[in-house]
PDB file of N, CA and C in Angstrom:
ATOM      1  N   MET A   1       2.982  -5.050   5.840  1.00  0.00           N
ATOM      2  CA  MET A   1       2.200  -3.816   5.797  1.00  0.00           C
ATOM      3  C   MET A   1       1.298  -3.913   4.538  1.00  0.00           C
ATOM      4  N   PRO A   2       0.074  -3.443   4.685  1.00  0.00           N
ATOM      5  CA  PRO A   2      -0.819  -3.440   3.482  1.00  0.00           C
ATOM      6  C   PRO A   2      -0.280  -2.456   2.471  1.00  0.00           C
ATOM      7  N   LYS A   3      -0.492  -2.801   1.208  1.00  0.00           N
ATOM      8  CA  LYS A   3      -0.033  -1.962   0.121  1.00  0.00           C
ATOM      9  C   LYS A   3      -0.997  -0.743   0.063  1.00  0.00           C
ATOM     10  N   SER A   4      -0.323   0.455  -0.134  1.00  0.00           N
ATOM     11  CA  SER A   4      -1.121   1.663  -0.270  1.00  0.00           C
ATOM     12  C   SER A   4      -0.525   2.395  -1.454  1.00  0.00           C
ATOM     13  N   LYS A   5      -1.416   3.089  -2.144  1.00  0.00           N
ATOM     14  CA  LYS A   5      -0.975   3.843  -3.329  1.00  0.00           C
ATOM     15  C   LYS A   5      -0.170   5.038  -2.861  1.00  0.00           C
ATOM     16  N   LEU A   6       0.923   5.333  -3.552  1.00  0.00           N
ATOM     17  CA  LEU A   6       1.761   6.540  -3.164  1.00  0.00           C
ATOM     18  C   LEU A   6       0.936   7.786  -3.658  1.00  0.00           C
ATOM     19  N   THR A   7       1.119   8.820  -2.879  1.00  0.00           N
ATOM     20  CA  THR A   7       0.561  10.116  -3.221  1.00  0.00           C
ATOM     21  C   THR A   7       1.520  10.777  -4.223  1.00  0.00           C
ATOM     22  N   ASP A   8       1.071  11.831  -4.838  1.00  0.00           N
ATOM     23  CA  ASP A   8       1.885  12.569  -5.780  1.00  0.00           C
ATOM     24  C   ASP A   8       3.123  13.187  -5.073  1.00  0.00           C
ATOM     25  N   SER A   9       2.904  13.610  -3.822  1.00  0.00           N
ATOM     26  CA  SER A   9       4.031  14.259  -3.123  1.00  0.00           C
ATOM     27  C   SER A   9       5.028  13.189  -2.701  1.00  0.00           C
ATOM     28  N   GLU A  10       4.567  11.999  -2.380  1.00  0.00           N
ATOM     29  CA  GLU A  10       5.487  10.887  -2.022  1.00  0.00           C
ATOM     30  C   GLU A  10       6.331  10.454  -3.255  1.00  0.00           C
ATOM     31  N   LYS A  11       5.661  10.387  -4.404  1.00  0.00           N
ATOM     32  CA  LYS A  11       6.370  10.128  -5.676  1.00  0.00           C
ATOM     33  C   LYS A  11       7.419  11.112  -5.981  1.00  0.00           C
ATOM     34  N   SER A  12       7.099  12.367  -5.780  1.00  0.00           N
ATOM     35  CA  SER A  12       8.005  13.449  -6.118  1.00  0.00           C
ATOM     36  C   SER A  12       9.239  13.411  -5.166  1.00  0.00           C
ATOM     37  N   ILE A  13       9.026  13.045  -3.922  1.00  0.00           N
ATOM     38  CA  ILE A  13      10.118  12.902  -2.977  1.00  0.00           C
ATOM     39  C   ILE A  13      10.989  11.750  -3.344  1.00  0.00           C
ATOM     40  N   LEU A  14      10.405  10.588  -3.668  1.00  0.00           N
ATOM     41  CA  LEU A  14      11.167   9.410  -4.023  1.00  0.00           C
ATOM     42  C   LEU A  14      11.988   9.654  -5.277  1.00  0.00           C
ATOM     43  N   LYS A  15      11.518  10.442  -6.212  1.00  0.00           N
ATOM     44  CA  LYS A  15      12.218  10.740  -7.445  1.00  0.00           C
ATOM     45  C   LYS A  15      13.475  11.505  -7.206  1.00  0.00           C
ATOM     46  N   GLU A  16      13.565  12.233  -6.118  1.00  0.00           N
ATOM     47  CA  GLU A  16      14.716  13.020  -5.699  1.00  0.00           C
ATOM     48  C   GLU A  16      15.777  12.187  -4.919  1.00  0.00           C
ATOM     49  N   LEU A  17      15.410  10.997  -4.526  1.00  0.00           N
ATOM     50  CA  LEU A  17      16.288  10.250  -3.607  1.00  0.00           C
ATOM     51  C   LEU A  17      16.993   9.080  -4.217  1.00  0.00           C
ATOM     52  N   ILE A  18      17.423   9.259  -5.466  1.00  0.00           N
ATOM     53  CA  ILE A  18      18.252   8.173  -6.070  1.00  0.00           C
ATOM     54  C   ILE A  18      19.599   8.113  -5.379  1.00  0.00           C
ATOM     55  N   PHE A  19      20.092   9.307  -4.967  1.00  0.00           N
ATOM     56  CA  PHE A  19      21.336   9.365  -4.212  1.00  0.00           C
ATOM     57  C   PHE A  19      20.893  10.047  -2.871  1.00  0.00           C
ATOM     58  N   PRO A  20      21.773   9.840  -1.816  1.00  0.00           N
ATOM     59  CA  PRO A  20      21.432  10.507  -0.492  1.00  0.00           C
ATOM     60  C   PRO A  20      21.300  11.999  -0.730  1.00  0.00           C
ATOM     61  N   GLU A  21      20.224  12.553  -0.206  1.00  0.00           N
ATOM     62  CA  GLU A  21      19.927  13.971  -0.332  1.00  0.00           C
ATOM     63  C   GLU A  21      19.425  14.500   1.044  1.00  0.00           C
ATOM     64  N   SER A  22      19.720  15.777   1.255  1.00  0.00           N
ATOM     65  CA  SER A  22      19.285  16.447   2.507  1.00  0.00           C
ATOM     66  C   SER A  22      17.842  16.809   2.468  1.00  0.00           C
ATOM     67  N   PHE A  23      17.317  17.069   3.615  1.00  0.00           N
ATOM     68  CA  PHE A  23      15.934  17.575   3.761  1.00  0.00           C
ATOM     69  C   PHE A  23      15.788  18.900   2.956  1.00  0.00           C
ATOM     70  N   GLU A  24      16.792  19.753   3.075  1.00  0.00           N
ATOM     71  CA  GLU A  24      16.776  21.048   2.346  1.00  0.00           C
ATOM     72  C   GLU A  24      16.671  20.848   0.834  1.00  0.00           C
ATOM     73  N   HIS A  25      17.428  19.868   0.323  1.00  0.00           N
ATOM     74  CA  HIS A  25      17.383  19.565  -1.126  1.00  0.00           C
ATOM     75  C   HIS A  25      16.000  19.131  -1.537  1.00  0.00           C
ATOM     76  N   ILE A  26      15.433  18.270  -0.747  1.00  0.00           N
ATOM     77  CA  ILE A  26      14.084  17.775  -1.055  1.00  0.00           C
ATOM     78  C   ILE A  26      13.097  18.951  -1.049  1.00  0.00           C
ATOM     79  N   GLN A  27      13.222  19.825  -0.092  1.00  0.00           N
ATOM     80  CA  GLN A  27      12.304  20.978  -0.015  1.00  0.00           C
ATOM     81  C   GLN A  27      12.507  21.962  -1.239  1.00  0.00           C
ATOM     82  N   GLU A  28      13.711  22.175  -1.624  1.00  0.00           N
ATOM     83  CA  GLU A  28      14.000  23.068  -2.751  1.00  0.00           C
ATOM     84  C   GLU A  28      13.474  22.470  -4.054  1.00  0.00           C
ATOM     85  N   GLU A  29      13.706  21.219  -4.249  1.00  0.00           N
ATOM     86  CA  GLU A  29      13.366  20.541  -5.530  1.00  0.00           C
ATOM     87  C   GLU A  29      11.844  20.283  -5.674  1.00  0.00           C
ATOM     88  N   THR A  30      11.188  19.914  -4.568  1.00  0.00           N
ATOM     89  CA  THR A  30       9.799  19.597  -4.654  1.00  0.00           C
ATOM     90  C   THR A  30       8.861  20.795  -4.443  1.00  0.00           C
ATOM     91  N   GLY A  31       9.275  21.776  -3.703  1.00  0.00           N
ATOM     92  CA  GLY A  31       8.449  22.941  -3.413  1.00  0.00           C
ATOM     93  C   GLY A  31       7.356  22.643  -2.350  1.00  0.00           C
ATOM     94  N   LEU A  32       7.533  21.465  -1.691  1.00  0.00           N
ATOM     95  CA  LEU A  32       6.532  21.090  -0.713  1.00  0.00           C
ATOM     96  C   LEU A  32       6.836  21.817   0.659  1.00  0.00           C
ATOM     97  N   THR A  33       5.806  21.901   1.478  1.00  0.00           N
ATOM     98  CA  THR A  33       6.069  22.528   2.844  1.00  0.00           C
ATOM     99  C   THR A  33       6.847  21.560   3.779  1.00  0.00           C
ATOM    100  N   TYR A  34       7.402  22.169   4.789  1.00  0.00           N
ATOM    101  CA  TYR A  34       8.161  21.349   5.809  1.00  0.00           C
ATOM    102  C   TYR A  34       7.335  20.266   6.356  1.00  0.00           C
ATOM    103  N   GLY A  35       6.075  20.554   6.758  1.00  0.00           N
ATOM    104  CA  GLY A  35       5.141  19.522   7.412  1.00  0.00           C
ATOM    105  C   GLY A  35       4.777  18.447   6.447  1.00  0.00           C
ATOM    106  N   SER A  36       4.540  18.794   5.227  1.00  0.00           N
ATOM    107  CA  SER A  36       4.210  17.801   4.158  1.00  0.00           C
ATOM    108  C   SER A  36       5.370  16.836   3.969  1.00  0.00           C
ATOM    109  N   ILE A  37       6.547  17.368   3.814  1.00  0.00           N
ATOM    110  CA  ILE A  37       7.712  16.563   3.550  1.00  0.00           C
ATOM    111  C   ILE A  37       7.951  15.688   4.787  1.00  0.00           C
ATOM    112  N   ARG A  38       7.896  16.235   5.966  1.00  0.00           N
ATOM    113  CA  ARG A  38       8.113  15.435   7.185  1.00  0.00           C
ATOM    114  C   ARG A  38       7.139  14.288   7.293  1.00  0.00           C
ATOM    115  N   ASP A  39       5.841  14.522   7.033  1.00  0.00           N
ATOM    116  CA  ASP A  39       4.848  13.408   7.141  1.00  0.00           C
ATOM    117  C   ASP A  39       5.125  12.347   6.049  1.00  0.00           C
ATOM    118  N   ASP A  40       5.413  12.831   4.824  1.00  0.00           N
ATOM    119  CA  ASP A  40       5.684  11.847   3.762  1.00  0.00           C
ATOM    120  C   ASP A  40       6.947  11.041   4.065  1.00  0.00           C
ATOM    121  N   LEU A  41       8.023  11.714   4.519  1.00  0.00           N
ATOM    122  CA  LEU A  41       9.290  10.946   4.847  1.00  0.00           C
ATOM    123  C   LEU A  41       9.043   9.891   5.907  1.00  0.00           C
ATOM    124  N   ILE A  42       8.309  10.242   6.936  1.00  0.00           N
ATOM    125  CA  ILE A  42       8.022   9.281   7.979  1.00  0.00           C
ATOM    126  C   ILE A  42       7.251   8.076   7.474  1.00  0.00           C
ATOM    127  N   LYS A  43       6.237   8.342   6.648  1.00  0.00           N
ATOM    128  CA  LYS A  43       5.463   7.270   6.034  1.00  0.00           C
ATOM    129  C   LYS A  43       6.394   6.377   5.123  1.00  0.00           C
ATOM    130  N   LEU A  44       7.223   7.024   4.331  1.00  0.00           N
ATOM    131  CA  LEU A  44       8.066   6.270   3.417  1.00  0.00           C
ATOM    132  C   LEU A  44       9.150   5.496   4.190  1.00  0.00           C
ATOM    133  N   ILE A  45       9.643   6.026   5.239  1.00  0.00           N
ATOM    134  CA  ILE A  45      10.610   5.298   6.133  1.00  0.00           C
ATOM    135  C   ILE A  45       9.895   4.103   6.690  1.00  0.00           C
ATOM    136  N   ASN A  46       8.742   4.294   7.289  1.00  0.00           N
ATOM    137  CA  ASN A  46       7.985   3.175   7.890  1.00  0.00           C
ATOM    138  C   ASN A  46       7.580   2.067   6.937  1.00  0.00           C
ATOM    139  N   HIS A  47       7.437   2.406   5.669  1.00  0.00           N
ATOM    140  CA  HIS A  47       7.163   1.395   4.678  1.00  0.00           C
ATOM    141  C   HIS A  47       8.337   0.774   3.993  1.00  0.00           C
ATOM    142  N   GLY A  48       9.547   1.286   4.388  1.00  0.00           N
ATOM    143  CA  GLY A  48      10.819   0.675   3.856  1.00  0.00           C
ATOM    144  C   GLY A  48      11.148   1.230   2.456  1.00  0.00           C
ATOM    145  N   PHE A  49      10.601   2.363   2.141  1.00  0.00           N
ATOM    146  CA  PHE A  49      10.897   2.925   0.803  1.00  0.00           C
ATOM    147  C   PHE A  49      12.078   3.836   0.782  1.00  0.00           C
ATOM    148  N   ILE A  50      12.568   4.336   1.945  1.00  0.00           N
ATOM    149  CA  ILE A  50      13.746   5.163   2.012  1.00  0.00           C
ATOM    150  C   ILE A  50      14.540   4.741   3.248  1.00  0.00           C
ATOM    151  N   GLU A  51      15.853   4.979   3.186  1.00  0.00           N
ATOM    152  CA  GLU A  51      16.760   4.859   4.317  1.00  0.00           C
ATOM    153  C   GLU A  51      17.158   6.185   4.830  1.00  0.00           C
ATOM    154  N   VAL A  52      17.465   6.256   6.131  1.00  0.00           N
ATOM    155  CA  VAL A  52      17.841   7.484   6.819  1.00  0.00           C
ATOM    156  C   VAL A  52      19.380   7.400   7.021  1.00  0.00           C
ATOM    157  N   TYR A  53      20.057   8.558   6.677  1.00  0.00           N
ATOM    158  CA  TYR A  53      21.509   8.698   6.885  1.00  0.00           C
ATOM    159  C   TYR A  53      21.825   9.834   7.765  1.00  0.00           C
ATOM    160  N   GLU A  54      22.921   9.687   8.482  1.00  0.00           N
ATOM    161  CA  GLU A  54      23.433  10.907   9.207  1.00  0.00           C
ATOM    162  C   GLU A  54      23.640  11.982   8.189  1.00  0.00           C
ATOM    163  N   LYS A  55      23.334  13.192   8.502  1.00  0.00           N
ATOM    164  CA  LYS A  55      23.390  14.281   7.531  1.00  0.00           C
ATOM    165  C   LYS A  55      24.774  14.513   6.967  1.00  0.00           C
ATOM    166  N   ASP A  56      25.830  14.467   7.819  1.00  0.00           N
ATOM    167  CA  ASP A  56      27.179  14.721   7.348  1.00  0.00           C
ATOM    168  C   ASP A  56      27.901  13.394   6.925  1.00  0.00           C
ATOM    169  N   LEU A  57      27.372  12.280   7.274  1.00  0.00           N
ATOM    170  CA  LEU A  57      28.002  11.008   6.953  1.00  0.00           C
ATOM    171  C   LEU A  57      27.066  10.216   6.032  1.00  0.00           C
ATOM    172  N   THR A  58      26.941  10.680   4.790  1.00  0.00           N
ATOM    173  CA  THR A  58      25.952  10.041   3.894  1.00  0.00           C
ATOM    174  C   THR A  58      26.172   8.600   3.568  1.00  0.00           C
ATOM    175  N   LYS A  59      27.342   8.076   3.967  1.00  0.00           N
ATOM    176  CA  LYS A  59      27.602   6.672   3.704  1.00  0.00           C
ATOM    177  C   LYS A  59      27.207   5.776   4.913  1.00  0.00           C
ATOM    178  N   SER A  60      26.694   6.401   5.946  1.00  0.00           N
ATOM    179  CA  SER A  60      26.406   5.682   7.191  1.00  0.00           C
ATOM    180  C   SER A  60      24.858   5.665   7.386  1.00  0.00           C
ATOM    181  N   VAL A  61      24.254   4.520   7.289  1.00  0.00           N
ATOM    182  CA  VAL A  61      22.807   4.372   7.492  1.00  0.00           C
ATOM    183  C   VAL A  61      22.545   4.510   8.990  1.00  0.00           C
ATOM    184  N   SER A  62      21.631   5.361   9.387  1.00  0.00           N
ATOM    185  CA  SER A  62      21.314   5.558  10.714  1.00  0.00           C
ATOM    186  C   SER A  62      20.117   4.658  11.115  1.00  0.00           C
ATOM    187  N   PRO A  63      20.316   3.815  12.131  1.00  0.00           N
ATOM    188  CA  PRO A  63      19.174   2.957  12.563  1.00  0.00           C
ATOM    189  C   PRO A  63      18.117   3.690  13.261  1.00  0.00           C
ATOM    190  N   PHE A  64      18.393   4.946  13.727  1.00  0.00           N
ATOM    191  CA  PHE A  64      17.446   5.710  14.422  1.00  0.00           C
ATOM    192  C   PHE A  64      17.414   7.089  13.816  1.00  0.00           C
ATOM    193  N   TYR A  65      16.277   7.817  13.932  1.00  0.00           N
ATOM    194  CA  TYR A  65      16.244   9.184  13.514  1.00  0.00           C
ATOM    195  C   TYR A  65      15.244   9.905  14.458  1.00  0.00           C
ATOM    196  N   ASP A  66      15.344  11.162  14.568  1.00  0.00           N
ATOM    197  CA  ASP A  66      14.484  11.961  15.468  1.00  0.00           C
ATOM    198  C   ASP A  66      13.469  12.635  14.556  1.00  0.00           C
ATOM    199  N   SER A  67      12.212  12.160  14.650  1.00  0.00           N
ATOM    200  CA  SER A  67      11.199  12.712  13.763  1.00  0.00           C
ATOM    201  C   SER A  67      10.890  14.157  14.067  1.00  0.00           C
ATOM    202  N   ASP A  68      11.196  14.664  15.294  1.00  0.00           N
ATOM    203  CA  ASP A  68      11.006  16.089  15.559  1.00  0.00           C
ATOM    204  C   ASP A  68      12.100  16.946  14.904  1.00  0.00           C
ATOM    205  N   ASN A  69      13.203  16.329  14.582  1.00  0.00           N
ATOM    206  CA  ASN A  69      14.324  17.043  13.956  1.00  0.00           C
ATOM    207  C   ASN A  69      14.756  16.318  12.663  1.00  0.00           C
ATOM    208  N   ILE A  70      13.762  15.967  11.859  1.00  0.00           N
ATOM    209  CA  ILE A  70      13.986  15.148  10.670  1.00  0.00           C
ATOM    210  C   ILE A  70      14.846  15.919   9.647  1.00  0.00           C
ATOM    211  N   ASP A  71      14.835  17.198   9.732  1.00  0.00           N
ATOM    212  CA  ASP A  71      15.598  18.018   8.820  1.00  0.00           C
ATOM    213  C   ASP A  71      17.101  17.943   9.035  1.00  0.00           C
ATOM    214  N   GLN A  72      17.482  17.195  10.092  1.00  0.00           N
ATOM    215  CA  GLN A  72      18.948  17.048  10.433  1.00  0.00           C
ATOM    216  C   GLN A  72      19.497  15.730   9.825  1.00  0.00           C
ATOM    217  N   PHE A  73      18.762  15.070   8.946  1.00  0.00           N
ATOM    218  CA  PHE A  73      19.144  13.825   8.328  1.00  0.00           C
ATOM    219  C   PHE A  73      19.126  13.928   6.840  1.00  0.00           C
ATOM    220  N   SER A  74      19.750  12.943   6.162  1.00  0.00           N
ATOM    221  CA  SER A  74      19.649  12.774   4.725  1.00  0.00           C
ATOM    222  C   SER A  74      18.921  11.495   4.416  1.00  0.00           C
ATOM    223  N   PHE A  75      18.469  11.366   3.199  1.00  0.00           N
ATOM    224  CA  PHE A  75      17.597  10.290   2.856  1.00  0.00           C
ATOM    225  C   PHE A  75      17.958   9.706   1.467  1.00  0.00           C
ATOM    226  N   LYS A  76      17.735   8.431   1.302  1.00  0.00           N
ATOM    227  CA  LYS A  76      17.970   7.764  -0.011  1.00  0.00           C
ATOM    228  C   LYS A  76      16.894   6.705  -0.173  1.00  0.00           C
ATOM    229  N   ALA A  77      16.410   6.592  -1.464  1.00  0.00           N
ATOM    230  CA  ALA A  77      15.396   5.585  -1.751  1.00  0.00           C
ATOM    231  C   ALA A  77      16.047   4.167  -1.719  1.00  0.00           C
ATOM    232  N   THR A  78      15.295   3.227  -1.197  1.00  0.00           N
ATOM    233  CA  THR A  78      15.734   1.865  -1.223  1.00  0.00           C
ATOM    234  C   THR A  78      15.310   1.222  -2.533  1.00  0.00           C
ATOM    235  N   LYS A  79      15.741   0.013  -2.779  1.00  0.00           N
ATOM    236  CA  LYS A  79      15.338  -0.719  -3.984  1.00  0.00           C
ATOM    237  C   LYS A  79      13.847  -0.800  -4.046  1.00  0.00           C
ATOM    238  N   ARG A  80      13.235  -1.127  -2.944  1.00  0.00           N
ATOM    239  CA  ARG A  80      11.808  -1.209  -2.872  1.00  0.00           C
ATOM    240  C   ARG A  80      11.117   0.117  -3.239  1.00  0.00           C
ATOM    241  N   GLY A  81      11.726   1.268  -2.721  1.00  0.00           N
ATOM    242  CA  GLY A  81      11.150   2.530  -3.017  1.00  0.00           C
ATOM    243  C   GLY A  81      11.282   2.908  -4.509  1.00  0.00           C
ATOM    244  N   LEU A  82      12.463   2.598  -5.096  1.00  0.00           N
ATOM    245  CA  LEU A  82      12.597   2.885  -6.545  1.00  0.00           C
ATOM    246  C   LEU A  82      11.691   1.994  -7.371  1.00  0.00           C
ATOM    247  N   LYS A  83      11.458   0.769  -7.014  1.00  0.00           N
ATOM    248  CA  LYS A  83      10.620  -0.089  -7.767  1.00  0.00           C
ATOM    249  C   LYS A  83       9.151   0.418  -7.694  1.00  0.00           C
ATOM    250  N   SER A  84       8.847   1.050  -6.573  1.00  0.00           N
ATOM    251  CA  SER A  84       7.464   1.570  -6.422  1.00  0.00           C
ATOM    252  C   SER A  84       7.103   2.710  -7.408  1.00  0.00           C
ATOM    253  N   ILE A  85       8.157   3.406  -7.898  1.00  0.00           N
ATOM    254  CA  ILE A  85       7.891   4.524  -8.741  1.00  0.00           C
ATOM    255  C   ILE A  85       8.368   4.213 -10.205  1.00  0.00           C
ATOM    256  N   GLN A  86       8.850   3.055 -10.450  1.00  0.00           N
ATOM    257  CA  GLN A  86       9.397   2.747 -11.826  1.00  0.00           C
ATOM    258  C   GLN A  86       8.290   2.746 -12.896  1.00  0.00           C
ATOM    259  N   ASN A  87       7.079   2.558 -12.505  1.00  0.00           N
ATOM    260  CA  ASN A  87       6.016   2.588 -13.516  1.00  0.00           C
ATOM    261  C   ASN A  87       5.479   3.945 -13.808  1.00  0.00           C
ATOM    262  N   TYR A  88       5.876   4.927 -13.055  1.00  0.00           N
ATOM    263  CA  TYR A  88       5.474   6.286 -13.258  1.00  0.00           C
ATOM    264  C   TYR A  88       6.414   7.066 -14.189  1.00  0.00           C
ATOM    265  N   ALA A  89       5.888   7.865 -15.042  1.00  0.00           N
ATOM    266  CA  ALA A  89       6.768   8.645 -15.929  1.00  0.00           C
ATOM    267  C   ALA A  89       7.484   9.683 -15.157  1.00  0.00           C
ATOM    268  N   PHE A  90       8.726   9.891 -15.498  1.00  0.00           N
ATOM    269  CA  PHE A  90       9.467  10.979 -14.838  1.00  0.00           C
ATOM    270  C   PHE A  90       9.254  12.214 -15.676  1.00  0.00           C
TER     271      PHE A  90
END
């Protein structure tokens, strides 16, 4: 995939995902709207920056997720995702 620069909202989402976190946690901490978070999560998943987990089984990576019900899952940044924000100040 071609490299693209992360948006401010994508960076703020990635900063929250050092550990598996729910959609609700992301929304509370970032203050972003549901649609904005959904769009950013889908883009970050497709670029391999985050992994999707079953909401109640945070130790189980889910190979599939329902983008229409994305709030039913948890998310965690991958090594690649964390490397992409390491140059930005927290």
